[in-house]
Amino acid sequence: MTPERFAAILELKVSGLVEALMQRAGLNLEDALLRVYGSKLYEALEREETKLWHHSPLLLLDCLESEFRTGKPEFPDE
């Protein structure tokens, strides 16, 4: 996959994840962005080889919420 295509996919996934987090947790945009971009999940998501971008924003949100609770993201297929 080209870097440009991956960047576009990542942007869509993050957008969906932020929107889902705002709805589920009742956060405003700024707080949701800070939580997503500051997470270990995002660090893994931005690496194409992890293939996390294959998952839906709602599944990624579950992983992110696991990270909030435990300090460690729980990735699908682990």
C-alpha atoms as a PDB file:
ATOM      1  CA  MET A   1       0.000   0.000   0.000  1.00  0.00           C
ATOM      2  CA  THR A   2       1.297   3.445  -0.818  1.00  0.00           C
ATOM      3  CA  PRO A   3       2.000   5.848   2.060  1.00  0.00           C
ATOM      4  CA  GLU A   4      -0.580   8.258   0.659  1.00  0.00           C
ATOM      5  CA  ARG A   5      -3.303   5.621   0.606  1.00  0.00           C
ATOM      6  CA  PHE A   6      -2.469   4.478   4.124  1.00  0.00           C
ATOM      7  CA  ALA A   7      -2.557   8.084   5.362  1.00  0.00           C
ATOM      8  CA  ALA A   8      -6.050   8.488   3.887  1.00  0.00           C
ATOM      9  CA  ILE A   9      -7.276   5.249   5.479  1.00  0.00           C
ATOM     10  CA  LEU A  10      -5.729   6.196   8.832  1.00  0.00           C
ATOM     11  CA  GLU A  11      -7.461   9.573   8.727  1.00  0.00           C
ATOM     12  CA  LEU A  12     -10.834   7.904   8.145  1.00  0.00           C
ATOM     13  CA  LYS A  13     -10.269   5.359  10.937  1.00  0.00           C
ATOM     14  CA  VAL A  14      -9.194   8.006  13.423  1.00  0.00           C
ATOM     15  CA  SER A  15     -12.130  10.196  12.489  1.00  0.00           C
ATOM     16  CA  GLY A  16     -14.552   7.327  13.108  1.00  0.00           C
ATOM     17  CA  LEU A  17     -12.810   6.413  16.352  1.00  0.00           C
ATOM     18  CA  VAL A  18     -12.930   9.990  17.641  1.00  0.00           C
ATOM     19  CA  GLU A  19     -16.618  10.296  16.728  1.00  0.00           C
ATOM     20  CA  ALA A  20     -17.446   7.011  18.469  1.00  0.00           C
ATOM     21  CA  LEU A  21     -15.497   8.069  21.568  1.00  0.00           C
ATOM     22  CA  MET A  22     -17.304  11.406  21.684  1.00  0.00           C
ATOM     23  CA  GLN A  23     -20.673   9.682  21.530  1.00  0.00           C
ATOM     24  CA  ARG A  24     -19.936   6.859  23.973  1.00  0.00           C
ATOM     25  CA  ALA A  25     -18.003   8.876  26.564  1.00  0.00           C
ATOM     26  CA  GLY A  26     -19.764  12.215  26.107  1.00  0.00           C
ATOM     27  CA  LEU A  27     -16.484  13.993  25.351  1.00  0.00           C
ATOM     28  CA  ASN A  28     -16.007  17.125  23.313  1.00  0.00           C
ATOM     29  CA  LEU A  29     -13.886  17.016  20.166  1.00  0.00           C
ATOM     30  CA  GLU A  30     -10.707  18.355  21.767  1.00  0.00           C
ATOM     31  CA  ASP A  31     -10.769  15.865  24.660  1.00  0.00           C
ATOM     32  CA  ALA A  32     -11.533  12.945  22.350  1.00  0.00           C
ATOM     33  CA  LEU A  33      -8.682  13.910  20.022  1.00  0.00           C
ATOM     34  CA  LEU A  34      -6.255  14.204  22.931  1.00  0.00           C
ATOM     35  CA  ARG A  35      -7.224  10.769  24.231  1.00  0.00           C
ATOM     36  CA  VAL A  36      -6.955   9.078  20.850  1.00  0.00           C
ATOM     37  CA  TYR A  37      -3.705  10.715  19.722  1.00  0.00           C
ATOM     38  CA  GLY A  38      -2.111  10.189  23.150  1.00  0.00           C
ATOM     39  CA  SER A  39      -2.910   6.487  23.266  1.00  0.00           C
ATOM     40  CA  LYS A  40      -0.794   3.404  22.729  1.00  0.00           C
ATOM     41  CA  LEU A  41      -3.556   2.206  20.414  1.00  0.00           C
ATOM     42  CA  TYR A  42      -2.914   5.161  18.113  1.00  0.00           C
ATOM     43  CA  GLU A  43       0.829   4.452  18.157  1.00  0.00           C
ATOM     44  CA  ALA A  44       0.057   0.945  16.903  1.00  0.00           C
ATOM     45  CA  LEU A  45      -2.679   2.084  14.511  1.00  0.00           C
ATOM     46  CA  GLU A  46      -0.366   4.482  12.697  1.00  0.00           C
ATOM     47  CA  ARG A  47       1.962   1.601  11.823  1.00  0.00           C
ATOM     48  CA  GLU A  48       0.530   0.016   8.674  1.00  0.00           C
ATOM     49  CA  GLU A  49       2.097  -3.361   9.394  1.00  0.00           C
ATOM     50  CA  THR A  50      -0.051  -3.882  12.534  1.00  0.00           C
ATOM     51  CA  LYS A  51      -3.108  -4.129  10.283  1.00  0.00           C
ATOM     52  CA  LEU A  52      -5.260  -2.532  13.008  1.00  0.00           C
ATOM     53  CA  TRP A  53      -6.697  -0.263  10.331  1.00  0.00           C
ATOM     54  CA  HIS A  54      -8.658  -3.291   9.089  1.00  0.00           C
ATOM     55  CA  HIS A  55     -10.911  -3.093  12.148  1.00  0.00           C
ATOM     56  CA  SER A  56     -14.042  -1.000  12.608  1.00  0.00           C
ATOM     57  CA  PRO A  57     -13.998   2.188  14.661  1.00  0.00           C
ATOM     58  CA  LEU A  58     -16.247   0.522  17.249  1.00  0.00           C
ATOM     59  CA  LEU A  59     -13.871  -2.400  17.715  1.00  0.00           C
ATOM     60  CA  LEU A  60     -10.981   0.049  17.963  1.00  0.00           C
ATOM     61  CA  LEU A  61     -12.968   1.980  20.565  1.00  0.00           C
ATOM     62  CA  ASP A  62     -13.291  -1.185  22.648  1.00  0.00           C
ATOM     63  CA  CYS A  63      -9.496  -1.543  22.462  1.00  0.00           C
ATOM     64  CA  LEU A  64      -9.040   2.083  23.465  1.00  0.00           C
ATOM     65  CA  GLU A  65     -11.398   1.744  26.420  1.00  0.00           C
ATOM     66  CA  SER A  66      -9.449  -1.327  27.536  1.00  0.00           C
ATOM     67  CA  GLU A  67      -6.316   0.816  27.452  1.00  0.00           C
ATOM     68  CA  PHE A  68      -8.033   3.491  29.570  1.00  0.00           C
ATOM     69  CA  ARG A  69      -8.989   0.862  32.180  1.00  0.00           C
ATOM     70  CA  THR A  70      -5.802  -1.173  32.303  1.00  0.00           C
ATOM     71  CA  GLY A  71      -3.086   1.023  30.838  1.00  0.00           C
ATOM     72  CA  LYS A  72      -2.549  -1.477  28.027  1.00  0.00           C
ATOM     73  CA  PRO A  73      -4.558  -1.699  24.826  1.00  0.00           C
ATOM     74  CA  GLU A  74      -6.118  -5.059  24.097  1.00  0.00           C
ATOM     75  CA  PHE A  75      -5.746  -5.611  20.376  1.00  0.00           C
ATOM     76  CA  PRO A  76      -8.069  -7.873  18.393  1.00  0.00           C
ATOM     77  CA  ASP A  77      -6.675 -11.323  17.618  1.00  0.00           C
ATOM     78  CA  GLU A  78      -4.465 -11.374  20.709  1.00  0.00           C
END
